[in-house]
Amino acid sequence: MRAVRYHEYGSVETLVVEQAPDPHPGPGEIRVRVAAASVNPIDWKMRSGALREVLPVDLPAIPGRDVVGVVDETGEGVQGVSVGDSVFGLGGVTGATAELAVLSAWAPAPANWTDEEAAGAGLASVTAMGGLKALGPLPGRTLLVEGASGGVGSAAVEIAVARGATVIGTASERNHAFLTSLGAVPTTYGSGLAERLATLAPGGVDIALDTAASGSLDDLVAIVGDPARVSTIADHANAHRLGVHLANAENDSTLLAEAAELGRQGRYTPRVERTYPLDQTAEAHAYAERGRTRGKIVVTI
């Protein structure tokens, strides 16, 4: 199969498109012929070597974790899915940006999502829902999403709105119209946030989800008044220090099915800012590294 691989840690120049061995599913896994794969921050952080101490990979490695594709092989014990089904889902921390990928969690792709949208749904939706579930019931509560215009943040906004929360999202001013289109009340991040929120939410902010890891957890705890009402998906050090919830992305088919159902209802649509062909995966990684992505970046196979 054709795949993107890196043979050593380093910059985007380490990424090459080449022939690689076909993977095969183990027990409880499926293989898909990939239509599209997404690019997530963890992909370029792993490729650069920044995470080698906590997430070492066997080199050469294929970047990417989530895809959409058509099932072409199933492992032992797999039920409820057949060869020819269109699914989106998650595999290991590597292996997605290729013509074939093995998944350990998946759900049927909603017919009203494009391949690019479905490719962007896997990791973003399970991460967002993990962070939201830690905060308890959403109906009738006011939620602050820090870093609301990124892949996980935009998913969290739409899913929380669909579940009955009033959502305020922080982002740069250039992304405020985007947040409004998702159903959030936009505001800027940084100094003076508490004062801005006092105007936007006179009744107070009940819960907060940090997707940006920008060092704002102390402020979020102060705003909601209780570390138990704050969760983060990325700020590990400060989460432990403050006692806030730390949500890790899990390969959970139940969460993927929940996201897919919201998609079928038209209440959650993964937002894709840019798409690149497989041969331009290096450019996709370079754009992702700038840290200003609105929604998701997707590579089409």
Protein backbone atom coordinates (compact mmCIF):
# COMPACT_ATOMS: atom_id res chain seq x y z
CA MET A 1 0.00 0.00 0.00
CA ARG A 2 1.01 3.65 -0.39
CA ALA A 3 1.54 5.42 2.90
CA VAL A 4 3.14 8.48 4.42
CA ARG A 5 6.01 7.51 6.73
CA TYR A 6 8.86 9.04 8.69
CA HIS A 7 12.03 7.04 9.32
CA GLU A 8 13.41 9.36 11.97
CA TYR A 9 12.09 12.06 14.29
CA GLY A 10 12.30 15.56 12.90
CA SER A 11 10.66 18.26 10.79
CA VAL A 12 8.07 17.87 8.03
CA GLU A 13 10.94 17.06 5.66
CA THR A 14 11.11 13.60 7.25
CA LEU A 15 7.70 12.71 5.77
CA VAL A 16 7.83 10.61 2.61
CA VAL A 17 5.19 8.86 0.52
CA GLU A 18 6.27 5.29 -0.20
CA GLN A 19 5.21 1.67 -0.31
CA ALA A 20 4.64 0.09 3.09
CA PRO A 21 3.49 -3.37 4.22
CA ASP A 22 -0.28 -3.91 4.31
CA PRO A 23 -1.59 -4.05 7.89
CA HIS A 24 -4.06 -6.70 9.03
CA PRO A 25 -6.62 -6.53 11.85
CA GLY A 26 -6.20 -8.48 15.05
CA PRO A 27 -9.04 -9.76 17.26
CA GLY A 28 -11.72 -7.09 17.72
CA GLU A 29 -10.28 -4.90 14.96
CA ILE A 30 -11.22 -4.04 11.39
CA ARG A 31 -9.27 -2.83 8.37
CA VAL A 32 -10.56 -0.09 6.11
CA ARG A 33 -9.58 1.14 2.70
CA VAL A 34 -9.02 4.75 3.66
CA ALA A 35 -10.81 7.61 1.91
CA ALA A 36 -9.44 10.36 4.15
CA ALA A 37 -7.49 10.81 7.39
CA SER A 38 -7.24 13.79 9.70
CA VAL A 39 -4.19 15.61 11.01
CA ASN A 40 -4.14 16.21 14.77
CA PRO A 41 -1.65 18.10 16.96
CA ILE A 42 -0.43 14.82 18.44
CA ASP A 43 0.62 13.65 14.96
CA TRP A 44 3.23 16.34 14.40
CA LYS A 45 4.28 16.36 18.05
CA MET A 46 5.04 12.64 17.80
CA ARG A 47 6.78 13.02 14.46
CA SER A 48 8.98 15.83 15.80
CA GLY A 49 10.13 13.68 18.71
CA ALA A 50 8.63 15.99 21.33
CA LEU A 51 6.68 13.09 22.83
CA ARG A 52 9.26 10.33 22.41
CA GLU A 53 9.68 9.91 26.18
CA VAL A 54 5.96 9.29 26.80
CA LEU A 55 4.80 7.96 23.42
CA PRO A 56 7.71 6.29 21.63
CA VAL A 57 6.93 4.84 18.21
CA ASP A 58 8.46 2.06 16.17
CA LEU A 59 10.18 3.63 13.16
CA PRO A 60 9.40 3.92 10.33
CA ALA A 61 5.99 5.19 11.46
CA ILE A 62 2.84 6.24 9.63
CA PRO A 63 1.31 9.38 11.20
CA GLY A 64 -2.36 9.69 12.06
CA ARG A 65 -4.97 8.11 14.26
CA ASP A 66 -8.44 8.68 12.77
CA VAL A 67 -9.91 7.96 9.33
CA VAL A 68 -12.99 7.28 7.29
CA GLY A 69 -13.08 4.37 4.87
CA VAL A 70 -14.76 1.22 3.63
CA VAL A 71 -14.30 -1.99 5.60
CA ASP A 72 -12.36 -4.58 3.61
CA GLU A 73 -11.25 -7.04 6.32
CA THR A 74 -12.47 -7.93 9.82
CA GLY A 75 -10.63 -9.52 12.72
CA GLU A 76 -11.67 -12.41 14.92
CA GLY A 77 -14.74 -11.75 17.05
CA VAL A 78 -15.90 -8.63 15.22
CA GLN A 79 -19.68 -8.31 14.97
CA GLY A 80 -22.10 -5.69 13.71
CA VAL A 81 -20.01 -4.54 10.76
CA SER A 82 -19.44 -6.08 7.35
CA VAL A 83 -17.03 -5.77 4.46
CA GLY A 84 -18.25 -2.88 2.31
CA ASP A 85 -19.60 -0.76 5.19
CA SER A 86 -18.52 2.88 5.38
CA VAL A 87 -17.20 3.70 8.84
CA PHE A 88 -15.16 6.34 10.63
CA GLY A 89 -13.05 5.68 13.65
CA LEU A 90 -9.77 5.37 15.49
CA GLY A 91 -6.75 3.12 15.41
CA GLY A 92 -3.48 3.34 17.29
CA VAL A 93 -1.52 6.54 17.79
CA THR A 94 0.01 5.94 14.35
CA GLY A 95 -1.05 4.23 11.12
CA ALA A 96 -3.84 6.32 9.59
CA THR A 97 -2.31 8.28 6.70
CA ALA A 98 -2.21 5.38 4.28
CA GLU A 99 -4.34 3.49 1.78
CA LEU A 100 -5.17 0.87 4.44
CA ALA A 101 -5.62 1.36 8.20
CA VAL A 102 -6.61 -0.82 11.14
CA LEU A 103 -9.26 0.49 13.56
CA SER A 104 -10.11 -0.64 17.08
CA ALA A 105 -13.11 1.70 17.49
CA TRP A 106 -15.56 2.74 14.79
CA ALA A 107 -19.14 3.71 13.93
CA PRO A 108 -21.12 3.93 10.70
CA ALA A 109 -20.39 7.20 8.91
CA PRO A 110 -23.52 9.38 8.60
CA ALA A 111 -24.67 9.67 5.00
CA ASN A 112 -24.98 13.45 5.34
CA TRP A 113 -21.27 13.86 6.18
CA THR A 114 -18.68 14.12 3.44
CA ASP A 115 -15.64 11.85 3.64
CA GLU A 116 -13.59 14.85 4.76
CA GLU A 117 -16.03 15.64 7.57
CA ALA A 118 -16.17 12.03 8.72
CA ALA A 119 -12.37 11.83 8.71
CA GLY A 120 -12.26 14.80 11.06
CA ALA A 121 -14.80 13.42 13.50
CA GLY A 122 -13.08 10.54 15.26
CA LEU A 123 -10.48 11.96 17.63
CA ALA A 124 -12.14 15.37 17.96
CA SER A 125 -15.52 13.98 18.98
CA VAL A 126 -14.32 11.40 21.52
CA THR A 127 -11.95 13.94 23.07
CA ALA A 128 -14.65 16.61 23.27
CA MET A 129 -17.23 14.22 24.71
CA GLY A 130 -14.75 12.88 27.25
CA GLY A 131 -14.10 16.41 28.45
CA LEU A 132 -17.80 17.24 28.56
CA LYS A 133 -18.87 14.05 30.32
CA ALA A 134 -16.49 14.85 33.19
CA LEU A 135 -18.50 18.03 33.83
CA GLY A 136 -21.84 16.32 34.40
CA PRO A 137 -25.25 17.18 32.91
CA LEU A 138 -25.29 19.96 30.33
CA PRO A 139 -28.94 21.05 29.94
CA GLY A 140 -29.58 24.49 31.36
CA ARG A 141 -25.95 25.15 32.29
CA THR A 142 -23.57 27.78 30.95
CA LEU A 143 -20.35 26.28 29.60
CA LEU A 144 -17.15 28.11 28.76
CA VAL A 145 -15.00 26.45 26.08
CA GLU A 146 -11.44 27.77 26.05
CA GLY A 147 -9.93 27.44 22.56
CA ALA A 148 -13.31 26.93 20.93
CA SER A 149 -12.34 27.29 17.27
CA GLY A 150 -9.94 24.34 17.02
CA GLY A 151 -10.79 20.77 16.12
CA VAL A 152 -11.77 19.60 19.60
CA GLY A 153 -13.10 22.98 20.69
CA SER A 154 -15.48 23.35 17.75
CA ALA A 155 -16.73 19.79 18.25
CA ALA A 156 -17.30 20.50 21.97
CA VAL A 157 -19.26 23.65 21.17
CA GLU A 158 -21.65 21.96 18.77
CA ILE A 159 -22.12 18.85 20.89
CA ALA A 160 -22.74 20.89 24.05
CA VAL A 161 -25.24 23.13 22.29
CA ALA A 162 -27.02 20.05 20.95
CA ARG A 163 -27.26 18.74 24.51
CA GLY A 164 -28.84 21.87 25.91
CA ALA A 165 -25.98 23.99 27.21
CA THR A 166 -25.49 27.71 26.69
CA VAL A 167 -21.95 27.95 25.35
CA ILE A 168 -19.46 30.80 25.45
CA GLY A 169 -16.33 30.17 23.43
CA THR A 170 -12.97 31.92 23.43
CA ALA A 171 -11.07 32.49 20.20
CA SER A 172 -9.27 35.22 18.31
CA GLU A 173 -11.57 37.82 16.80
CA ARG A 174 -11.09 36.43 13.30
CA ASN A 175 -12.91 33.27 14.46
CA HIS A 176 -15.85 34.92 16.23
CA ALA A 177 -18.24 34.60 13.28
CA PHE A 178 -17.26 30.93 13.05
CA LEU A 179 -18.15 30.37 16.73
CA THR A 180 -21.46 32.14 16.24
CA SER A 181 -22.25 29.78 13.36
CA LEU A 182 -21.67 26.84 15.74
CA GLY A 183 -24.13 28.24 18.27
CA ALA A 184 -21.67 29.77 20.75
CA VAL A 185 -21.38 33.28 22.12
CA PRO A 186 -17.84 34.34 21.18
CA THR A 187 -15.34 36.29 23.23
CA THR A 188 -11.61 36.82 23.18
CA TYR A 189 -9.22 34.92 25.44
CA GLY A 190 -6.56 36.31 27.76
CA SER A 191 -6.49 39.25 30.14
CA GLY A 192 -9.87 40.51 31.30
CA LEU A 193 -11.75 37.28 30.53
CA ALA A 194 -13.57 37.25 33.88
CA GLU A 195 -14.85 40.78 33.28
CA ARG A 196 -16.03 39.96 29.77
CA LEU A 197 -17.82 36.87 31.03
CA ALA A 198 -19.57 38.87 33.75
CA THR A 199 -21.19 40.88 30.95
CA LEU A 200 -21.95 37.91 28.69
CA ALA A 201 -23.22 35.62 31.48
CA PRO A 202 -24.65 37.74 34.32
CA GLY A 203 -25.82 34.56 36.02
CA GLY A 204 -22.30 33.18 36.02
CA VAL A 205 -20.45 30.40 34.22
CA ASP A 206 -21.25 26.94 35.60
CA ILE A 207 -18.57 24.76 33.97
CA ALA A 208 -15.51 25.13 31.78
CA LEU A 209 -13.66 22.97 29.27
CA ASP A 210 -10.08 23.85 28.33
CA THR A 211 -8.98 22.63 24.90
CA ALA A 212 -6.14 25.11 24.42
CA ALA A 213 -3.66 24.29 27.22
CA SER A 214 -2.67 27.95 27.18
CA GLY A 215 -2.05 28.22 30.91
CA SER A 216 -5.50 29.54 31.77
CA LEU A 217 -6.63 26.77 34.16
CA ASP A 218 -6.12 28.92 37.27
CA ASP A 219 -8.39 31.56 35.76
CA LEU A 220 -11.01 28.99 34.75
CA VAL A 221 -11.15 27.56 38.27
CA ALA A 222 -11.56 31.07 39.66
CA ILE A 223 -14.33 31.85 37.16
CA VAL A 224 -16.47 28.78 37.93
CA GLY A 225 -15.46 28.60 41.59
CA ASP A 226 -14.64 24.89 41.85
CA PRO A 227 -11.93 22.74 40.20
CA ALA A 228 -14.44 19.89 39.99
CA ARG A 229 -16.36 21.96 37.44
CA VAL A 230 -13.38 22.37 35.09
CA SER A 231 -11.89 19.83 32.69
CA THR A 232 -8.93 20.00 30.33
CA ILE A 233 -7.87 17.78 27.46
CA ALA A 234 -4.21 18.78 27.35
CA ASP A 235 -2.86 20.72 30.35
CA HIS A 236 -1.64 17.71 32.33
CA ALA A 237 0.69 19.49 34.74
CA ASN A 238 -1.75 22.16 35.83
CA ALA A 239 -4.66 19.71 35.94
CA HIS A 240 -2.89 17.64 38.59
CA ARG A 241 -1.81 20.74 40.50
CA LEU A 242 -5.29 22.23 40.63
CA GLY A 243 -7.35 19.05 40.86
CA VAL A 244 -9.38 19.63 37.70
CA HIS A 245 -10.60 16.78 35.50
CA LEU A 246 -8.11 15.55 32.88
CA ALA A 247 -9.88 13.95 29.92
CA ASN A 248 -7.92 11.56 27.73
CA ALA A 249 -9.03 10.51 24.26
CA GLU A 250 -10.20 6.91 24.29
CA ASN A 251 -10.93 4.56 21.41
CA ASP A 252 -14.58 4.25 22.38
CA SER A 253 -17.09 3.03 19.79
CA THR A 254 -19.99 4.14 21.99
CA LEU A 255 -18.82 7.77 21.90
CA LEU A 256 -18.29 7.55 18.14
CA ALA A 257 -21.84 6.23 17.73
CA GLU A 258 -23.16 9.14 19.81
CA ALA A 259 -21.30 11.61 17.58
CA ALA A 260 -22.61 9.87 14.47
CA GLU A 261 -26.20 10.06 15.73
CA LEU A 262 -25.85 13.81 16.32
CA GLY A 263 -24.44 13.99 12.80
CA ARG A 264 -27.41 12.17 11.33
CA GLN A 265 -29.70 14.59 13.16
CA GLY A 266 -27.84 17.54 11.65
CA ARG A 267 -26.75 18.75 15.08
CA TYR A 268 -23.01 18.08 14.73
CA THR A 269 -20.95 18.52 11.58
CA PRO A 270 -17.16 18.28 11.83
CA ARG A 271 -15.70 21.51 10.47
CA VAL A 272 -12.84 21.14 7.99
CA GLU A 273 -10.69 24.15 7.22
CA ARG A 274 -8.28 22.61 4.73
CA THR A 275 -7.80 19.39 2.78
CA TYR A 276 -4.60 18.11 1.19
CA PRO A 277 -3.88 15.13 -1.09
CA LEU A 278 -1.69 12.35 0.28
CA ASP A 279 1.37 13.65 -1.58
CA GLN A 280 1.05 16.97 0.31
CA THR A 281 0.89 15.55 3.84
CA ALA A 282 4.06 17.45 4.73
CA GLU A 283 2.29 20.71 3.86
CA ALA A 284 -0.68 19.62 5.99
CA HIS A 285 1.62 19.02 8.96
CA ALA A 286 3.37 22.35 8.42
CA TYR A 287 0.04 24.17 8.46
CA ALA A 288 -1.08 22.30 11.58
CA GLU A 289 2.11 23.26 13.40
CA ARG A 290 1.21 26.94 13.10
CA GLY A 291 -1.47 26.33 15.72
CA ARG A 292 -4.14 28.51 14.14
CA THR A 293 -6.37 25.85 12.60
CA ARG A 294 -10.10 26.52 12.48
CA GLY A 295 -11.72 23.11 12.83
CA LYS A 296 -9.81 20.24 11.24
CA ILE A 297 -7.16 19.53 8.61
CA VAL A 298 -7.75 16.45 6.48
CA VAL A 299 -5.62 14.42 4.05
CA THR A 300 -7.48 12.67 1.23
CA ILE A 301 -6.16 9.32 0.07
